[in-house]
Amino acid sequence: MAQDLGIDDKIEATWDPNDPIFDDRERAALEMATLFTEDYRSITDDHFNRWREHFTDEQLVELGTFLALADGLGKLVEMLGLGDSDQSCAIEI
């Protein structure tokens, strides 16, 4: 099913990580991203054990590094007032 859908469909579906458009690995990454950006202090060993079912430790470090960069860049964009909805980009930052 996911093969027939475009990237725009997956981006829109990120509002619901349980959407069947995502496989278990993608759901694990979305869970990690959500917790990382919303409440990273709530991440437990149980989370990591579950995520390790889908990712190696190296992949978890790489995913965490990307999340840190993306989250930090998003905060910088917001701090500088560059994420206004009247920008020419169709995707809100």
Protein backbone atom coordinates (compact mmCIF):
# COMPACT_ATOMS: atom_id res chain seq x y z
CA MET A 1 0.00 0.00 0.00
CA ALA A 2 2.68 2.51 0.99
CA GLN A 3 4.43 2.02 -2.36
CA ASP A 4 1.48 3.51 -4.24
CA LEU A 5 1.39 6.63 -2.12
CA GLY A 6 3.55 9.69 -2.59
CA ILE A 7 5.79 11.46 -0.14
CA ASP A 8 3.12 14.14 0.34
CA ASP A 9 0.75 11.45 1.63
CA LYS A 10 3.30 10.31 4.19
CA ILE A 11 4.10 13.86 5.29
CA GLU A 12 0.40 14.55 5.81
CA ALA A 13 0.00 11.28 7.71
CA THR A 14 2.70 12.15 10.25
CA TRP A 15 -0.05 13.79 12.29
CA ASP A 16 -1.21 10.23 13.04
CA PRO A 17 1.74 7.86 13.49
CA ASN A 18 -0.73 4.95 13.71
CA ASP A 19 -1.88 5.57 10.14
CA PRO A 20 -1.56 2.30 8.18
CA ILE A 21 0.57 4.15 5.62
CA PHE A 22 3.52 3.58 7.99
CA ASP A 23 5.27 0.30 8.70
CA ASP A 24 6.51 -0.63 12.19
CA ARG A 25 9.98 0.78 11.58
CA GLU A 26 8.59 4.12 10.45
CA ARG A 27 6.28 4.21 13.47
CA ALA A 28 9.28 3.62 15.74
CA ALA A 29 11.13 6.53 14.11
CA LEU A 30 8.06 8.76 14.42
CA GLU A 31 7.70 7.83 18.09
CA MET A 32 11.35 8.67 18.69
CA ALA A 33 11.01 11.98 16.84
CA THR A 34 7.87 12.93 18.76
CA LEU A 35 9.33 12.13 22.15
CA PHE A 36 12.65 13.78 21.27
CA THR A 37 11.00 17.06 20.29
CA GLU A 38 8.14 17.15 22.79
CA ASP A 39 9.44 15.49 25.98
CA TYR A 40 12.88 13.94 25.60
CA ARG A 41 13.19 13.45 29.37
CA SER A 42 10.37 10.90 29.21
CA ILE A 43 12.41 8.53 27.01
CA THR A 44 13.13 5.33 28.91
CA ASP A 45 15.10 2.14 28.46
CA ASP A 46 11.82 0.52 27.38
CA HIS A 47 11.63 2.97 24.47
CA PHE A 48 15.18 2.14 23.42
CA ASN A 49 14.55 -1.59 23.72
CA ARG A 50 11.51 -1.24 21.45
CA TRP A 51 13.39 0.95 18.97
CA ARG A 52 16.27 -1.55 18.88
CA GLU A 53 13.83 -4.02 17.35
CA HIS A 54 14.00 -1.82 14.22
CA PHE A 55 17.34 0.01 14.41
CA THR A 56 20.92 -0.79 15.33
CA ASP A 57 22.61 1.31 18.00
CA GLU A 58 24.50 3.11 15.23
CA GLN A 59 21.25 3.89 13.42
CA LEU A 60 19.72 5.19 16.66
CA VAL A 61 22.68 7.52 17.11
CA GLU A 62 22.34 8.69 13.51
CA LEU A 63 18.59 9.21 13.88
CA GLY A 64 19.10 11.03 17.19
CA THR A 65 21.75 13.26 15.62
CA PHE A 66 19.43 14.14 12.74
CA LEU A 67 16.61 14.87 15.22
CA ALA A 68 18.90 17.15 17.22
CA LEU A 69 19.94 19.06 14.10
CA ALA A 70 16.39 19.33 12.74
CA ASP A 71 14.94 20.37 16.10
CA GLY A 72 17.69 22.93 16.64
CA LEU A 73 17.35 24.32 13.13
CA GLY A 74 13.58 24.60 13.57
CA LYS A 75 14.08 26.54 16.80
CA LEU A 76 16.62 28.83 15.12
CA VAL A 77 14.22 29.50 12.22
CA GLU A 78 11.46 30.32 14.70
CA MET A 79 13.75 32.49 16.83
CA LEU A 80 14.77 34.51 13.76
CA GLY A 81 11.16 34.84 12.61
CA LEU A 82 11.86 33.02 9.36
CA GLY A 83 9.01 30.50 9.63
CA ASP A 84 6.17 32.85 8.77
CA SER A 85 3.33 31.34 6.74
CA ASP A 86 3.57 34.04 4.05
CA GLN A 87 6.87 32.64 2.75
CA SER A 88 6.94 31.23 -0.76
CA CYS A 89 7.50 27.64 0.39
CA ALA A 90 4.31 25.57 0.30
CA ILE A 91 5.45 23.55 3.33
CA GLU A 92 5.23 25.33 6.68
CA ILE A 93 8.53 25.30 8.54
